[in-house]
């Protein structure tokens, strides 16, 4: 394997997964030799600085520091804090830190309820995979995917191109992953025993990139791992010749403008056993979208507006006075408009209370019954004089059909907010009876859109 097979933005980087492999292989040397290791748990691993691999013969120096945790429980095996540091420009740089714990074969079977809890956990993960495999109906051509990732800043050589049979659905991905075969890539004298090879580990993390690019159909800014909250890794079944391929499932989503979070589960080829589980895998963008036609179409533009301001030195006194005290809406006109809005809303509620029969009420859904109960309560308060417009003069106007509907027409034609009030009021009884679909009323046309557009312009 060559590290030159893994480049990001034309820079040869030591894979972040390689730092985790260093921690795993390091803690194995500190394990109790007489006890069998089942798995490793890595927590709160943060990647503070990438390791740039020099291309000359001088190479570089890396150091792994393992510190026993003082509060570790001997029953659960050794726990250590680890750091991966590199030597550059005559100083040491911390590239990665976190904690790792060894999970030993239990000394007593009764201590782990005869493996019942573990069996249920494996069954739950298999169920999650089955659901995801059913959802992921869009197939991804992995050759196209890797070419697409190159446009996003990732250059994977043959060693790292291990994904196959990938399918996606939004942020979900299922795929097969080929195991790195050391003997096929390197001479026999450098083959070393290992739990998981960095190339295989990196291919597992490529599931996240596959999800974020929707199977290689959407551009994204170059993302690099920044934090791993929890990673459980089996000590067996993750290398060749014990395994030739894996099945994997991942789910990713964006957080804010620059970050993503992902969960991932890796199984053996028969999906009978979990080999790796990742929870809370975070990445951070280190650049913007690649400059291509596709990226220009997919980039989300931040809302903005251009505001022009005059040069006061070029204005006369009247123009300055007009600029400093701009003409605004007539307060009295606004008061009249909103008073009329309250008037027609009251009229619509009274007509709903009168129009809903007991038979209609019995056929309503529970949440609509609660709304009708509230409407009837308002009618009772109106009749007892507790609400606005309860005075005899306004009561008469509300009962005057000609006056009431003329007011509705005036409000409807005043602006888009008035049209919203009037349209909903006219159809309220039909919505409750199931004759009119409320969502279609608001969003089937441009009613809601026009109202929101007007509101934004008014307050901007």
Protein backbone atom coordinates (compact mmCIF):
# COMPACT_ATOMS: atom_id res chain seq x y z
CA UNK A 1 0.00 0.00 0.00
CA UNK A 2 1.15 3.52 -0.81
CA UNK A 3 0.06 6.59 1.08
CA UNK A 4 0.17 8.40 -2.25
CA UNK A 5 -3.03 6.51 -3.06
CA UNK A 6 -4.85 8.81 -0.60
CA UNK A 7 -4.73 12.53 -1.36
CA UNK A 8 -6.98 15.42 -0.36
CA UNK A 9 -6.82 18.59 -2.43
CA UNK A 10 -3.58 17.32 -4.05
CA UNK A 11 -1.90 16.92 -0.65
CA UNK A 12 -0.71 13.50 0.49
CA UNK A 13 -2.20 12.94 3.93
CA UNK A 14 -1.72 10.23 6.49
CA UNK A 15 -5.29 8.87 6.83
CA UNK A 16 -7.15 9.85 9.97
CA UNK A 17 -8.11 6.20 10.27
CA UNK A 18 -4.39 5.41 10.38
CA UNK A 19 -4.11 7.33 13.65
CA UNK A 20 -6.90 5.20 15.13
CA UNK A 21 -5.14 2.06 13.92
CA UNK A 22 -2.00 3.28 15.72
CA UNK A 23 -4.02 3.57 18.95
CA UNK A 24 -5.48 0.07 18.50
CA UNK A 25 -2.15 -1.58 17.77
CA UNK A 26 -0.52 0.41 20.58
CA UNK A 27 -3.04 -0.59 23.24
CA UNK A 28 -2.72 -4.25 22.19
CA UNK A 29 0.89 -4.11 23.34
CA UNK A 30 -0.29 -2.97 26.78
CA UNK A 31 -3.02 -5.62 27.13
CA UNK A 32 -2.89 -8.45 29.65
CA UNK A 33 -1.24 -11.28 27.68
CA UNK A 34 -3.24 -14.07 29.33
CA UNK A 35 -6.64 -12.57 28.49
CA UNK A 36 -8.42 -12.73 25.13
CA UNK A 37 -9.31 -9.39 23.55
CA UNK A 38 -12.86 -9.16 22.18
CA UNK A 39 -13.00 -5.56 20.98
CA UNK A 40 -11.86 -1.97 21.46
CA UNK A 41 -13.90 1.12 22.22
CA UNK A 42 -12.60 4.52 21.12
CA UNK A 43 -14.28 7.57 22.63
CA UNK A 44 -14.11 11.29 21.96
CA UNK A 45 -11.36 11.07 19.35
CA UNK A 46 -10.60 14.51 17.95
CA UNK A 47 -8.46 15.24 14.90
CA UNK A 48 -6.75 18.55 15.53
CA UNK A 49 -4.31 18.68 12.64
CA UNK A 50 -3.81 16.68 9.48
CA UNK A 51 -0.52 14.84 8.96
CA UNK A 52 0.99 15.96 5.66
CA UNK A 53 3.22 13.19 4.34
CA UNK A 54 6.43 14.54 2.75
CA UNK A 55 7.18 13.24 -0.74
CA UNK A 56 10.95 13.17 -0.29
CA UNK A 57 13.09 10.37 1.16
CA UNK A 58 13.51 12.10 4.52
CA UNK A 59 10.13 10.92 5.72
CA UNK A 60 8.61 12.08 8.99
CA UNK A 61 8.45 11.06 12.63
CA UNK A 62 5.25 10.12 14.45
CA UNK A 63 4.85 9.37 18.15
CA UNK A 64 2.03 7.56 19.93
CA UNK A 65 1.54 8.38 23.63
CA UNK A 66 -0.58 6.09 25.81
CA UNK A 67 -1.53 7.19 29.34
CA UNK A 68 -3.47 4.87 31.69
CA UNK A 69 -6.70 6.40 32.97
CA UNK A 70 -6.65 6.68 36.74
CA UNK A 71 -10.34 5.92 37.13
CA UNK A 72 -10.40 2.86 34.86
CA UNK A 73 -12.27 -0.18 36.15
CA UNK A 74 -10.15 -3.35 36.16
CA UNK A 75 -13.25 -5.46 35.53
CA UNK A 76 -13.73 -3.81 32.14
CA UNK A 77 -10.11 -3.95 31.06
CA UNK A 78 -7.49 -1.29 30.56
CA UNK A 79 -8.50 2.24 29.55
CA UNK A 80 -5.98 4.70 28.15
CA UNK A 81 -5.84 8.22 26.85
CA UNK A 82 -3.88 8.40 23.62
CA UNK A 83 -2.21 11.10 21.55
CA UNK A 84 -0.73 10.93 18.06
CA UNK A 85 1.89 13.61 17.43
CA UNK A 86 4.10 14.46 14.48
CA UNK A 87 7.43 16.29 14.33
CA UNK A 88 7.45 19.20 11.93
CA UNK A 89 9.52 22.40 11.67
CA UNK A 90 11.51 21.50 14.80
CA UNK A 91 8.41 21.13 17.00
CA UNK A 92 5.90 18.49 17.98
CA UNK A 93 2.27 18.90 16.81
CA UNK A 94 -0.65 17.05 18.35
CA UNK A 95 -2.65 15.57 15.49
CA UNK A 96 -5.14 13.35 17.30
CA UNK A 97 -6.23 12.58 20.85
CA UNK A 98 -8.89 10.44 22.48
CA UNK A 99 -9.41 7.47 24.77
CA UNK A 100 -9.40 3.75 24.05
CA UNK A 101 -10.56 0.84 26.14
CA UNK A 102 -9.85 -2.87 25.76
CA UNK A 103 -12.81 -5.23 26.01
CA UNK A 104 -11.67 -8.62 27.27
CA UNK A 105 -13.46 -11.95 27.16
CA UNK A 106 -15.40 -11.96 30.47
CA UNK A 107 -13.97 -14.12 33.21
CA UNK A 108 -17.45 -15.19 34.29
CA UNK A 109 -20.37 -15.81 31.94
CA UNK A 110 -22.87 -14.87 34.66
CA UNK A 111 -21.45 -11.36 34.69
CA UNK A 112 -22.82 -10.68 31.21
CA UNK A 113 -26.23 -12.44 31.44
CA UNK A 114 -25.07 -15.36 29.25
CA UNK A 115 -24.58 -13.04 26.26
CA UNK A 116 -28.28 -12.11 26.03
CA UNK A 117 -27.65 -8.37 25.88
CA UNK A 118 -25.02 -8.76 23.17
CA UNK A 119 -27.32 -10.98 21.11
CA UNK A 120 -30.14 -8.43 21.28
CA UNK A 121 -27.77 -5.65 20.23
CA UNK A 122 -26.60 -7.63 17.17
CA UNK A 123 -30.24 -8.40 16.29
CA UNK A 124 -31.17 -4.71 16.53
CA UNK A 125 -28.33 -3.70 14.21
CA UNK A 126 -29.32 -6.37 11.69
CA UNK A 127 -32.85 -5.02 11.73
CA UNK A 128 -31.57 -1.48 11.09
CA UNK A 129 -29.53 -2.75 8.15
CA UNK A 130 -32.52 -4.60 6.67
CA UNK A 131 -34.67 -1.46 6.85
CA UNK A 132 -31.92 0.67 5.29
CA UNK A 133 -31.31 -1.87 2.52
CA UNK A 134 -35.01 -1.73 1.70
CA UNK A 135 -35.01 2.07 1.63
CA UNK A 136 -31.87 2.49 -0.48
CA UNK A 137 -33.29 1.92 -3.95
CA UNK A 138 -30.96 4.22 -5.94
CA UNK A 139 -27.87 2.38 -7.15
CA UNK A 140 -24.49 4.14 -7.21
CA UNK A 141 -21.81 3.26 -9.77
CA UNK A 142 -18.66 3.21 -7.61
CA UNK A 143 -16.38 4.09 -10.54
CA UNK A 144 -18.50 7.18 -11.13
CA UNK A 145 -18.57 7.80 -7.39
CA UNK A 146 -14.78 7.88 -7.04
CA UNK A 147 -14.45 10.13 -10.09
CA UNK A 148 -17.06 12.40 -8.53
CA UNK A 149 -15.20 12.46 -5.20
CA UNK A 150 -12.11 13.57 -7.09
CA UNK A 151 -14.04 16.68 -8.07
CA UNK A 152 -14.83 17.18 -4.38
CA UNK A 153 -11.12 17.13 -3.46
CA UNK A 154 -10.47 13.40 -2.81
CA UNK A 155 -8.05 11.37 -4.90
CA UNK A 156 -8.21 7.67 -4.10
CA UNK A 157 -5.84 5.25 -5.79
CA UNK A 158 -6.58 1.53 -6.35
CA UNK A 159 -5.66 0.61 -2.76
CA UNK A 160 -8.37 2.82 -1.25
CA UNK A 161 -11.12 2.19 -3.82
CA UNK A 162 -12.82 -0.57 -1.87
CA UNK A 163 -16.54 0.30 -2.06
CA UNK A 164 -18.81 -1.78 -4.29
CA UNK A 165 -22.54 -2.48 -4.70
CA UNK A 166 -23.45 0.87 -3.14
CA UNK A 167 -27.04 2.12 -2.96
CA UNK A 168 -28.45 5.24 -1.36
CA UNK A 169 -31.61 7.03 -0.30
CA UNK A 170 -31.03 10.63 0.74
CA UNK A 171 -28.52 10.49 3.59
CA UNK A 172 -28.68 6.70 3.97
CA UNK A 173 -26.22 4.36 2.25
CA UNK A 174 -25.65 0.60 2.13
CA UNK A 175 -22.63 -0.89 0.41
CA UNK A 176 -20.19 -3.78 0.19
CA UNK A 177 -16.60 -3.10 1.23
CA UNK A 178 -13.65 -5.17 -0.01
CA UNK A 179 -11.03 -6.11 2.58
CA UNK A 180 -7.47 -4.97 1.95
CA UNK A 181 -5.29 -7.92 0.96
CA UNK A 182 -1.82 -7.02 2.13
CA UNK A 183 -0.07 -9.82 0.30
CA UNK A 184 -1.40 -8.54 -3.02
CA UNK A 185 -0.20 -4.98 -2.41
CA UNK A 186 3.10 -5.32 -0.57
CA UNK A 187 6.06 -7.66 -0.46
CA UNK A 188 5.86 -10.40 2.13
CA UNK A 189 8.61 -8.98 4.32
CA UNK A 190 6.49 -5.99 5.42
CA UNK A 191 3.27 -7.86 6.20
CA UNK A 192 2.36 -7.35 9.86
CA UNK A 193 -0.44 -8.81 12.01
CA UNK A 194 -3.20 -6.25 12.48
CA UNK A 195 -6.78 -5.85 13.66
CA UNK A 196 -7.90 -3.63 10.78
CA UNK A 197 -5.83 -2.15 7.97
CA UNK A 198 -5.91 1.65 7.48
CA UNK A 199 -7.04 1.21 3.87
CA UNK A 200 -9.99 -0.93 4.95
CA UNK A 201 -10.75 1.47 7.80
CA UNK A 202 -10.68 4.42 5.40
CA UNK A 203 -13.05 2.65 3.00
CA UNK A 204 -15.51 2.26 5.87
CA UNK A 205 -15.41 6.02 6.41
CA UNK A 206 -15.97 6.57 2.68
CA UNK A 207 -19.56 5.48 3.36
CA UNK A 208 -20.03 8.93 4.91
CA UNK A 209 -18.81 10.67 1.75
CA UNK A 210 -21.11 8.48 -0.33
CA UNK A 211 -24.07 9.55 1.78
CA UNK A 212 -23.17 13.26 1.73
CA UNK A 213 -22.84 13.27 -2.08
CA UNK A 214 -26.04 11.23 -2.58
CA UNK A 215 -24.13 8.37 -4.17
CA UNK A 216 -21.89 10.68 -6.18
CA UNK A 217 -24.69 12.80 -7.66
CA UNK A 218 -24.20 16.04 -5.70
CA UNK A 219 -21.13 18.17 -5.08
CA UNK A 220 -19.93 18.99 -1.56
CA UNK A 221 -17.13 20.93 0.05
CA UNK A 222 -14.12 18.82 1.04
CA UNK A 223 -14.90 17.26 4.42
CA UNK A 224 -12.33 15.86 6.85
CA UNK A 225 -12.96 13.93 10.10
CA UNK A 226 -12.98 16.23 13.12
CA UNK A 227 -14.43 14.14 15.96
CA UNK A 228 -15.61 10.60 16.68
CA UNK A 229 -17.83 10.32 19.73
CA UNK A 230 -17.94 6.51 19.99
CA UNK A 231 -16.41 3.71 17.91
CA UNK A 232 -16.71 0.03 18.85
CA UNK A 233 -14.31 -2.21 16.87
CA UNK A 234 -14.17 -5.99 16.97
CA UNK A 235 -10.68 -7.45 17.40
CA UNK A 236 -11.44 -10.25 14.93
CA UNK A 237 -13.03 -10.55 11.50
CA UNK A 238 -11.78 -7.25 10.06
CA UNK A 239 -8.75 -8.41 8.10
CA UNK A 240 -7.72 -10.83 5.37
CA UNK A 241 -7.82 -13.84 5.19
CA UNK A 242 -10.45 -13.93 7.99
CA UNK A 243 -12.74 -11.86 5.74
CA UNK A 244 -12.93 -10.91 2.08
CA UNK A 245 -15.74 -8.37 2.18
CA UNK A 246 -18.19 -6.62 4.52
CA UNK A 247 -21.70 -5.21 4.44
CA UNK A 248 -22.13 -1.68 5.80
CA UNK A 249 -24.85 0.85 6.53
CA UNK A 250 -24.48 4.54 7.31
CA UNK A 251 -26.69 7.57 7.83
CA UNK A 252 -25.38 11.12 7.54
CA UNK A 253 -26.81 14.61 7.86
CA UNK A 254 -25.49 18.17 7.73
CA UNK A 255 -25.15 20.32 10.85
CA UNK A 256 -24.98 24.04 10.17
CA UNK A 257 -23.02 25.30 7.18
CA UNK A 258 -19.73 23.40 7.60
CA UNK A 259 -20.30 20.26 9.67
CA UNK A 260 -21.87 16.84 9.31
CA UNK A 261 -22.69 14.01 11.70
CA UNK A 262 -22.96 10.31 10.88
CA UNK A 263 -23.70 6.90 12.34
CA UNK A 264 -22.31 3.74 10.76
CA UNK A 265 -22.49 -0.03 11.31
CA UNK A 266 -20.27 -2.67 9.67
CA UNK A 267 -21.21 -6.36 9.40
CA UNK A 268 -19.62 -9.53 8.13
CA UNK A 269 -20.60 -10.55 4.57
CA UNK A 270 -23.59 -12.57 5.86
CA UNK A 271 -24.90 -9.72 8.06
CA UNK A 272 -24.86 -12.07 11.02
CA UNK A 273 -22.33 -10.27 13.21
CA UNK A 274 -21.50 -6.63 13.90
CA UNK A 275 -17.82 -5.87 13.41
CA UNK A 276 -17.81 -2.09 13.91
CA UNK A 277 -20.23 0.53 15.17
CA UNK A 278 -19.66 4.28 14.93
CA UNK A 279 -21.89 6.85 16.63
CA UNK A 280 -21.50 10.59 16.30
CA UNK A 281 -18.86 10.74 13.57
CA UNK A 282 -18.36 14.42 12.78
CA UNK A 283 -16.68 16.02 9.78
CA UNK A 284 -15.83 19.64 9.03
CA UNK A 285 -15.53 21.37 5.66
CA UNK A 286 -12.05 22.69 4.89
CA UNK A 287 -13.02 24.52 1.72
CA UNK A 288 -15.90 25.57 -0.49
CA UNK A 289 -17.65 23.66 -3.22
CA UNK A 290 -15.47 22.80 -6.19
CA UNK A 291 -15.72 25.31 -9.02
CA UNK A 292 -17.78 23.45 -11.60
CA UNK A 293 -21.08 23.88 -13.35
CA UNK A 294 -22.66 21.34 -11.06
CA UNK A 295 -21.42 23.03 -7.90
CA UNK A 296 -22.72 26.40 -9.04
CA UNK A 297 -26.17 24.86 -9.42
CA UNK A 298 -26.17 22.98 -6.10
CA UNK A 299 -24.65 25.57 -3.76
CA UNK A 300 -27.08 27.03 -1.24
CA UNK A 301 -26.91 30.79 -1.44
CA UNK A 302 -27.12 32.79 1.77
CA UNK A 303 -30.04 35.25 1.83
CA UNK A 304 -28.86 38.80 1.22
CA UNK A 305 -30.04 42.15 -0.06
CA UNK A 306 -28.34 45.19 -1.51
CA UNK A 307 -29.11 48.49 0.19
CA UNK A 308 -28.30 51.76 -1.60
CA UNK A 309 -27.61 54.86 0.47
CA UNK A 310 -27.26 58.41 -0.89
CA UNK A 311 -24.22 60.63 -0.53
CA UNK A 312 -25.51 63.36 1.79
CA UNK A 313 -23.11 65.90 0.33
CA UNK A 314 -24.96 65.66 -2.98
CA UNK A 315 -28.43 66.28 -1.47
CA UNK A 316 -30.15 69.59 -0.84
CA UNK A 317 -31.88 70.44 2.46
CA UNK A 318 -35.32 69.16 1.43
CA UNK A 319 -33.87 65.88 0.15
CA UNK A 320 -31.86 65.39 3.36
CA UNK A 321 -34.96 66.08 5.47
CA UNK A 322 -36.98 63.60 3.43
CA UNK A 323 -34.24 60.95 3.72
CA UNK A 324 -33.81 61.36 7.49
CA UNK A 325 -37.57 61.31 8.14
CA UNK A 326 -38.87 58.88 5.52
CA UNK A 327 -42.57 58.60 4.86
CA UNK A 328 -44.00 55.51 6.46
CA UNK A 329 -47.37 53.83 6.46
CA UNK A 330 -50.26 55.75 7.91
CA UNK A 331 -50.70 54.52 11.51
CA UNK A 332 -54.40 55.30 11.43
CA UNK A 333 -54.82 53.26 8.25
CA UNK A 334 -53.05 50.27 9.88
CA UNK A 335 -55.31 50.51 12.94
CA UNK A 336 -58.40 50.54 10.71
CA UNK A 337 -57.15 47.57 8.68
CA UNK A 338 -56.38 45.35 11.67
CA UNK A 339 -59.61 46.36 13.40
CA UNK A 340 -61.51 45.26 10.30
CA UNK A 341 -59.49 42.01 10.29
CA UNK A 342 -60.57 41.31 13.87
CA UNK A 343 -64.14 42.14 12.85
CA UNK A 344 -64.32 39.62 10.00
CA UNK A 345 -62.50 36.93 12.05
CA UNK A 346 -65.17 37.33 14.74
CA UNK A 347 -67.86 37.04 12.08
CA UNK A 348 -66.32 33.90 10.60
CA UNK A 349 -66.11 32.26 14.06
CA UNK A 350 -69.77 33.03 14.78
CA UNK A 351 -70.79 31.55 11.44
CA UNK A 352 -68.73 28.38 12.08
CA UNK A 353 -70.30 27.97 15.51
CA UNK A 354 -73.72 28.25 13.90
CA UNK A 355 -72.93 26.09 10.86
CA UNK A 356 -71.44 23.04 12.62
CA UNK A 357 -74.28 20.69 13.54
CA UNK A 358 -74.10 18.04 16.22
CA UNK A 359 -73.82 15.41 13.49
CA UNK A 360 -70.93 17.30 11.91
CA UNK A 361 -69.25 17.51 15.31
CA UNK A 362 -69.47 13.77 15.95
CA UNK A 363 -67.69 13.07 12.64
CA UNK A 364 -64.80 15.43 13.33
CA UNK A 365 -61.30 14.27 14.17
CA UNK A 366 -60.28 14.83 17.82
CA UNK A 367 -58.06 17.87 17.14
CA UNK A 368 -60.84 19.50 15.08
CA UNK A 369 -63.35 18.85 17.87
CA UNK A 370 -61.06 20.77 20.20
CA UNK A 371 -61.01 23.67 17.73
CA UNK A 372 -64.81 23.68 17.47
CA UNK A 373 -65.06 23.58 21.27
CA UNK A 374 -62.87 26.67 21.38
CA UNK A 375 -64.99 28.40 18.71
CA UNK A 376 -68.15 27.70 20.71
CA UNK A 377 -66.48 29.08 23.83
CA UNK A 378 -65.72 32.32 21.96
CA UNK A 379 -69.35 32.49 20.81
CA UNK A 380 -70.56 32.14 24.40
CA UNK A 381 -68.16 34.89 25.54
CA UNK A 382 -69.37 37.07 22.66
CA UNK A 383 -73.01 36.51 23.60
CA UNK A 384 -72.24 37.46 27.23
CA UNK A 385 -70.49 40.67 26.15
CA UNK A 386 -66.94 39.62 27.11
CA UNK A 387 -65.33 40.07 23.67
CA UNK A 388 -64.72 42.94 21.32
CA UNK A 389 -67.60 43.78 18.96
CA UNK A 390 -70.09 42.46 21.56
CA UNK A 391 -71.80 45.84 21.78
CA UNK A 392 -75.24 46.14 20.15
CA UNK A 393 -73.98 48.28 17.23
CA UNK A 394 -71.29 45.79 16.15
CA UNK A 395 -73.58 42.82 16.79
CA UNK A 396 -75.99 44.29 14.31
CA UNK A 397 -73.23 44.88 11.76
CA UNK A 398 -71.96 41.29 12.15
CA UNK A 399 -75.46 39.97 11.54
CA UNK A 400 -75.92 42.24 8.51
CA UNK A 401 -74.88 39.89 5.69
CA UNK A 402 -74.43 42.67 3.12
CA UNK A 403 -72.23 44.78 5.40
CA UNK A 404 -70.21 41.81 6.64
CA UNK A 405 -69.37 40.40 3.19
CA UNK A 406 -68.62 43.88 1.85
CA UNK A 407 -66.07 44.25 4.66
CA UNK A 408 -64.61 40.83 3.78
CA UNK A 409 -64.26 41.92 0.11
CA UNK A 410 -62.54 45.16 1.15
CA UNK A 411 -60.04 43.34 3.40
CA UNK A 412 -59.42 40.70 0.75
CA UNK A 413 -58.45 43.31 -1.82
CA UNK A 414 -56.41 45.48 0.56
CA UNK A 415 -53.23 43.36 0.58
CA UNK A 416 -52.02 39.73 0.64
CA UNK A 417 -52.44 39.47 4.42
CA UNK A 418 -56.06 40.52 4.04
CA UNK A 419 -56.49 37.99 1.26
CA UNK A 420 -55.12 35.29 3.59
CA UNK A 421 -57.65 36.19 6.33
CA UNK A 422 -60.56 36.35 3.89
CA UNK A 423 -59.72 33.16 1.98
CA UNK A 424 -59.28 31.06 5.12
CA UNK A 425 -62.43 32.51 6.65
CA UNK A 426 -64.53 31.83 3.55
CA UNK A 427 -63.39 28.16 3.53
CA UNK A 428 -63.19 27.50 7.27
CA UNK A 429 -66.50 25.70 7.51
CA UNK A 430 -65.66 23.59 4.43
CA UNK A 431 -62.28 22.65 5.94
CA UNK A 432 -63.93 21.46 9.15
CA UNK A 433 -66.48 19.41 7.25
CA UNK A 434 -63.75 17.80 5.13
CA UNK A 435 -64.99 19.43 1.92
CA UNK A 436 -61.83 21.54 1.50
CA UNK A 437 -58.22 20.42 2.12
CA UNK A 438 -56.66 23.07 4.37
CA UNK A 439 -53.06 22.46 3.28
CA UNK A 440 -54.03 22.56 -0.37
CA UNK A 441 -55.91 25.79 0.30
CA UNK A 442 -52.77 27.44 1.70
CA UNK A 443 -50.02 25.86 -0.35
CA UNK A 444 -51.72 24.42 -3.44
CA UNK A 445 -51.56 27.84 -5.05
CA UNK A 446 -49.58 30.95 -4.18
CA UNK A 447 -51.68 32.18 -1.24
CA UNK A 448 -49.15 31.48 1.53
CA UNK A 449 -46.16 32.32 -0.66
CA UNK A 450 -47.57 35.72 -1.65
CA UNK A 451 -48.42 36.52 1.97
CA UNK A 452 -44.91 35.66 3.23
CA UNK A 453 -43.24 37.53 0.35
CA UNK A 454 -45.24 40.67 1.09
CA UNK A 455 -44.50 40.39 4.81
CA UNK A 456 -40.74 40.07 4.24
CA UNK A 457 -40.66 43.04 1.87
CA UNK A 458 -42.67 45.15 4.29
CA UNK A 459 -40.25 44.58 7.17
CA UNK A 460 -36.97 44.61 5.21
